[in-house]
C-alpha atoms as a PDB file:
ATOM      1  CA  UNK A   1      78.003  59.259  36.750  1.00  0.00           C
ATOM      2  CA  UNK A   2      75.162  61.578  35.780  1.00  0.00           C
ATOM      3  CA  UNK A   3      76.049  64.032  33.006  1.00  0.00           C
ATOM      4  CA  UNK A   4      76.203  67.774  33.632  1.00  0.00           C
ATOM      5  CA  UNK A   5      73.434  68.670  31.151  1.00  0.00           C
ATOM      6  CA  UNK A   6      70.956  66.333  32.857  1.00  0.00           C
ATOM      7  CA  UNK A   7      71.804  67.742  36.289  1.00  0.00           C
ATOM      8  CA  UNK A   8      71.473  71.304  34.996  1.00  0.00           C
ATOM      9  CA  UNK A   9      68.059  70.568  33.500  1.00  0.00           C
ATOM     10  CA  UNK A  10      66.854  68.860  36.687  1.00  0.00           C
ATOM     11  CA  UNK A  11      68.028  71.842  38.717  1.00  0.00           C
ATOM     12  CA  UNK A  12      66.416  74.397  36.405  1.00  0.00           C
ATOM     13  CA  UNK A  13      63.131  72.478  36.293  1.00  0.00           C
ATOM     14  CA  UNK A  14      62.739  71.500  39.941  1.00  0.00           C
ATOM     15  CA  UNK A  15      64.873  73.536  42.351  1.00  0.00           C
ATOM     16  CA  UNK A  16      62.373  76.354  42.966  1.00  0.00           C
ATOM     17  CA  UNK A  17      59.356  74.059  43.534  1.00  0.00           C
ATOM     18  CA  UNK A  18      61.490  71.859  45.803  1.00  0.00           C
ATOM     19  CA  UNK A  19      62.332  74.900  47.940  1.00  0.00           C
ATOM     20  CA  UNK A  20      58.627  75.777  48.167  1.00  0.00           C
ATOM     21  CA  UNK A  21      57.880  72.185  49.158  1.00  0.00           C
ATOM     22  CA  UNK A  22      60.542  72.172  51.887  1.00  0.00           C
ATOM     23  CA  UNK A  23      59.271  75.530  53.161  1.00  0.00           C
ATOM     24  CA  UNK A  24      56.256  73.872  54.718  1.00  0.00           C
ATOM     25  CA  UNK A  25      58.690  72.620  57.388  1.00  0.00           C
ATOM     26  CA  UNK A  26      61.579  75.094  57.189  1.00  0.00           C
ATOM     27  CA  UNK A  27      62.415  78.738  56.642  1.00  0.00           C
ATOM     28  CA  UNK A  28      63.739  79.780  53.232  1.00  0.00           C
ATOM     29  CA  UNK A  29      67.439  79.462  54.081  1.00  0.00           C
ATOM     30  CA  UNK A  30      67.179  75.981  55.549  1.00  0.00           C
ATOM     31  CA  UNK A  31      64.854  74.886  52.741  1.00  0.00           C
ATOM     32  CA  UNK A  32      67.421  76.000  50.173  1.00  0.00           C
ATOM     33  CA  UNK A  33      70.139  74.126  52.077  1.00  0.00           C
ATOM     34  CA  UNK A  34      68.072  70.922  52.082  1.00  0.00           C
ATOM     35  CA  UNK A  35      67.436  71.239  48.341  1.00  0.00           C
ATOM     36  CA  UNK A  36      71.134  71.855  47.703  1.00  0.00           C
ATOM     37  CA  UNK A  37      71.984  68.747  49.726  1.00  0.00           C
ATOM     38  CA  UNK A  38      69.516  66.718  47.648  1.00  0.00           C
ATOM     39  CA  UNK A  39      71.240  67.791  44.429  1.00  0.00           C
ATOM     40  CA  UNK A  40      74.637  66.995  45.921  1.00  0.00           C
ATOM     41  CA  UNK A  41      73.363  63.524  46.796  1.00  0.00           C
ATOM     42  CA  UNK A  42      71.986  63.159  43.270  1.00  0.00           C
ATOM     43  CA  UNK A  43      75.397  64.064  41.821  1.00  0.00           C
ATOM     44  CA  UNK A  44      76.895  61.266  43.910  1.00  0.00           C
ATOM     45  CA  UNK A  45      74.615  58.639  42.382  1.00  0.00           C
ATOM     46  CA  UNK A  46      76.222  56.263  39.929  1.00  0.00           C
ATOM     47  CA  UNK A  47      73.215  56.439  37.638  1.00  0.00           C
ATOM     48  CA  UNK A  48      70.093  58.548  37.353  1.00  0.00           C
ATOM     49  CA  UNK A  49      67.194  57.219  39.477  1.00  0.00           C
ATOM     50  CA  UNK A  50      64.265  55.766  37.510  1.00  0.00           C
ATOM     51  CA  UNK A  51      62.120  58.792  38.424  1.00  0.00           C
ATOM     52  CA  UNK A  52      64.528  61.618  39.293  1.00  0.00           C
ATOM     53  CA  UNK A  53      61.760  64.094  40.153  1.00  0.00           C
ATOM     54  CA  UNK A  54      60.162  61.744  42.693  1.00  0.00           C
ATOM     55  CA  UNK A  55      63.639  60.859  44.026  1.00  0.00           C
ATOM     56  CA  UNK A  56      64.407  64.551  44.561  1.00  0.00           C
ATOM     57  CA  UNK A  57      61.110  65.180  46.349  1.00  0.00           C
ATOM     58  CA  UNK A  58      61.602  62.129  48.557  1.00  0.00           C
ATOM     59  CA  UNK A  59      65.153  63.200  49.424  1.00  0.00           C
ATOM     60  CA  UNK A  60      64.068  66.775  50.138  1.00  0.00           C
ATOM     61  CA  UNK A  61      61.154  65.519  52.239  1.00  0.00           C
ATOM     62  CA  UNK A  62      63.404  63.348  54.391  1.00  0.00           C
ATOM     63  CA  UNK A  63      65.999  66.100  54.751  1.00  0.00           C
ATOM     64  CA  UNK A  64      63.413  68.744  55.594  1.00  0.00           C
ATOM     65  CA  UNK A  65      61.708  66.602  58.223  1.00  0.00           C
ATOM     66  CA  UNK A  66      65.068  65.790  59.815  1.00  0.00           C
ATOM     67  CA  UNK A  67      66.067  69.443  59.771  1.00  0.00           C
ATOM     68  CA  UNK A  68      62.655  70.449  61.154  1.00  0.00           C
ATOM     69  CA  UNK A  69      62.997  68.093  64.091  1.00  0.00           C
ATOM     70  CA  UNK A  70      66.491  69.379  64.832  1.00  0.00           C
ATOM     71  CA  UNK A  71      65.514  73.046  64.520  1.00  0.00           C
ATOM     72  CA  UNK A  72      61.971  73.114  65.963  1.00  0.00           C
ATOM     73  CA  UNK A  73      62.733  75.680  68.682  1.00  0.00           C
ATOM     74  CA  UNK A  74      64.533  77.949  66.265  1.00  0.00           C
ATOM     75  CA  UNK A  75      61.692  77.696  63.757  1.00  0.00           C
ATOM     76  CA  UNK A  76      59.103  78.754  66.353  1.00  0.00           C
ATOM     77  CA  UNK A  77      61.140  81.873  67.197  1.00  0.00           C
ATOM     78  CA  UNK A  78      61.496  82.762  63.507  1.00  0.00           C
ATOM     79  CA  UNK A  79      57.783  82.304  62.828  1.00  0.00           C
ATOM     80  CA  UNK A  80      56.969  84.509  65.803  1.00  0.00           C
ATOM     81  CA  UNK A  81      59.118  87.326  64.408  1.00  0.00           C
ATOM     82  CA  UNK A  82      57.964  87.024  60.757  1.00  0.00           C
ATOM     83  CA  UNK A  83      54.264  86.086  60.796  1.00  0.00           C
ATOM     84  CA  UNK A  84      53.465  87.921  57.531  1.00  0.00           C
ATOM     85  CA  UNK A  85      55.805  85.984  55.244  1.00  0.00           C
ATOM     86  CA  UNK A  86      54.074  85.122  51.957  1.00  0.00           C
ATOM     87  CA  UNK A  87      53.805  81.680  50.401  1.00  0.00           C
ATOM     88  CA  UNK A  88      51.715  82.778  47.440  1.00  0.00           C
ATOM     89  CA  UNK A  89      52.519  85.479  44.924  1.00  0.00           C
ATOM     90  CA  UNK A  90      49.668  86.825  42.840  1.00  0.00           C
ATOM     91  CA  UNK A  91      50.427  87.278  39.170  1.00  0.00           C
ATOM     92  CA  UNK A  92      48.741  89.838  36.929  1.00  0.00           C
ATOM     93  CA  UNK A  93      45.060  88.985  36.557  1.00  0.00           C
ATOM     94  CA  UNK A  94      44.941  86.670  39.583  1.00  0.00           C
ATOM     95  CA  UNK A  95      42.819  87.487  42.581  1.00  0.00           C
ATOM     96  CA  UNK A  96      44.193  85.577  45.538  1.00  0.00           C
ATOM     97  CA  UNK A  97      44.716  86.890  49.015  1.00  0.00           C
ATOM     98  CA  UNK A  98      48.159  85.475  49.795  1.00  0.00           C
ATOM     99  CA  UNK A  99      47.821  85.887  53.558  1.00  0.00           C
ATOM    100  CA  UNK A 100      44.395  84.200  53.603  1.00  0.00           C
ATOM    101  CA  UNK A 101      45.734  81.352  51.453  1.00  0.00           C
ATOM    102  CA  UNK A 102      48.762  80.911  53.722  1.00  0.00           C
ATOM    103  CA  UNK A 103      46.551  80.909  56.799  1.00  0.00           C
ATOM    104  CA  UNK A 104      44.187  78.376  55.221  1.00  0.00           C
ATOM    105  CA  UNK A 105      47.139  76.146  54.293  1.00  0.00           C
ATOM    106  CA  UNK A 106      48.504  76.315  57.834  1.00  0.00           C
ATOM    107  CA  UNK A 107      45.112  75.262  59.192  1.00  0.00           C
ATOM    108  CA  UNK A 108      45.157  72.037  57.149  1.00  0.00           C
ATOM    109  CA  UNK A 109      46.400  68.796  58.677  1.00  0.00           C
ATOM    110  CA  UNK A 110      50.074  68.294  57.819  1.00  0.00           C
ATOM    111  CA  UNK A 111      49.377  65.362  55.476  1.00  0.00           C
ATOM    112  CA  UNK A 112      46.893  67.381  53.400  1.00  0.00           C
ATOM    113  CA  UNK A 113      49.173  70.431  53.338  1.00  0.00           C
ATOM    114  CA  UNK A 114      52.096  68.312  52.126  1.00  0.00           C
ATOM    115  CA  UNK A 115      50.072  66.618  49.393  1.00  0.00           C
ATOM    116  CA  UNK A 116      48.679  69.934  48.134  1.00  0.00           C
ATOM    117  CA  UNK A 117      52.174  71.455  48.118  1.00  0.00           C
ATOM    118  CA  UNK A 118      53.546  68.494  46.152  1.00  0.00           C
ATOM    119  CA  UNK A 119      50.693  68.664  43.650  1.00  0.00           C
ATOM    120  CA  UNK A 120      50.453  72.437  43.163  1.00  0.00           C
ATOM    121  CA  UNK A 121      54.034  73.606  43.677  1.00  0.00           C
ATOM    122  CA  UNK A 122      55.887  70.460  42.651  1.00  0.00           C
ATOM    123  CA  UNK A 123      53.392  69.454  39.963  1.00  0.00           C
ATOM    124  CA  UNK A 124      53.856  65.805  40.899  1.00  0.00           C
ATOM    125  CA  UNK A 125      51.278  63.262  39.829  1.00  0.00           C
ATOM    126  CA  UNK A 126      49.217  61.498  42.477  1.00  0.00           C
ATOM    127  CA  UNK A 127      51.271  58.337  41.838  1.00  0.00           C
ATOM    128  CA  UNK A 128      54.515  60.267  42.392  1.00  0.00           C
ATOM    129  CA  UNK A 129      53.123  61.831  45.571  1.00  0.00           C
ATOM    130  CA  UNK A 130      52.213  58.367  46.820  1.00  0.00           C
ATOM    131  CA  UNK A 131      55.793  57.264  46.126  1.00  0.00           C
ATOM    132  CA  UNK A 132      57.258  60.284  47.941  1.00  0.00           C
ATOM    133  CA  UNK A 133      55.005  60.010  51.005  1.00  0.00           C
ATOM    134  CA  UNK A 134      54.848  56.215  51.193  1.00  0.00           C
ATOM    135  CA  UNK A 135      51.048  56.259  50.852  1.00  0.00           C
ATOM    136  CA  UNK A 136      48.598  54.629  48.476  1.00  0.00           C
ATOM    137  CA  UNK A 137      47.486  56.582  45.424  1.00  0.00           C
ATOM    138  CA  UNK A 138      43.861  56.373  46.537  1.00  0.00           C
ATOM    139  CA  UNK A 139      44.818  57.667  49.990  1.00  0.00           C
ATOM    140  CA  UNK A 140      46.706  60.556  48.400  1.00  0.00           C
ATOM    141  CA  UNK A 141      43.692  61.361  46.228  1.00  0.00           C
ATOM    142  CA  UNK A 142      41.364  61.353  49.251  1.00  0.00           C
ATOM    143  CA  UNK A 143      43.719  63.637  51.228  1.00  0.00           C
ATOM    144  CA  UNK A 144      44.175  65.951  48.230  1.00  0.00           C
ATOM    145  CA  UNK A 145      40.429  66.250  47.650  1.00  0.00           C
ATOM    146  CA  UNK A 146      39.739  66.818  51.357  1.00  0.00           C
ATOM    147  CA  UNK A 147      42.473  69.462  51.550  1.00  0.00           C
ATOM    148  CA  UNK A 148      41.193  71.329  48.483  1.00  0.00           C
ATOM    149  CA  UNK A 149      37.659  71.270  49.859  1.00  0.00           C
ATOM    150  CA  UNK A 150      38.910  72.650  53.181  1.00  0.00           C
ATOM    151  CA  UNK A 151      40.842  75.398  51.369  1.00  0.00           C
ATOM    152  CA  UNK A 152      37.806  76.317  49.281  1.00  0.00           C
ATOM    153  CA  UNK A 153      35.636  76.488  52.381  1.00  0.00           C
ATOM    154  CA  UNK A 154      38.201  78.522  54.359  1.00  0.00           C
ATOM    155  CA  UNK A 155      38.634  80.999  51.517  1.00  0.00           C
ATOM    156  CA  UNK A 156      34.937  81.170  50.629  1.00  0.00           C
ATOM    157  CA  UNK A 157      35.434  79.847  47.105  1.00  0.00           C
ATOM    158  CA  UNK A 158      32.839  77.751  45.340  1.00  0.00           C
ATOM    159  CA  UNK A 159      33.480  75.569  42.324  1.00  0.00           C
ATOM    160  CA  UNK A 160      31.409  75.939  39.202  1.00  0.00           C
ATOM    161  CA  UNK A 161      29.959  72.719  37.878  1.00  0.00           C
ATOM    162  CA  UNK A 162      29.359  71.892  34.241  1.00  0.00           C
ATOM    163  CA  UNK A 163      25.690  72.767  34.811  1.00  0.00           C
ATOM    164  CA  UNK A 164      26.352  76.301  35.833  1.00  0.00           C
END
């Protein structure tokens, strides 16, 4: 059985990013339910998985996709009534248009959107993302790079190079 302190630390460190990750398929309430279910499943494990963070993301991914398929009609109605919901919150000193960023994310292919969410919100490594999505690391890297380039283009952001 997994000790309480380990579970508490895993929850404190990963619950919020897991909810953000699940939100690409589900509304906030269902995303929180899927994350809660993942932690309940983790508590039922006899021993801690080798990579608990990747295990949690994989479990949340599977639960969210299942929930999404079951609730697709409901989700469309909710999105139609709350189109201005924010995914990004600007902190002091940051200059990001949350609505433009959300729109740009929604325009990405699902695979790129998922990989970017795992990398930015979940802070998973490319190897961990490959494990979660069942892809190769090089494929994840290609999708991540393509998604970032699409986001930069959609938001009119250029990257500075070392030369200038």
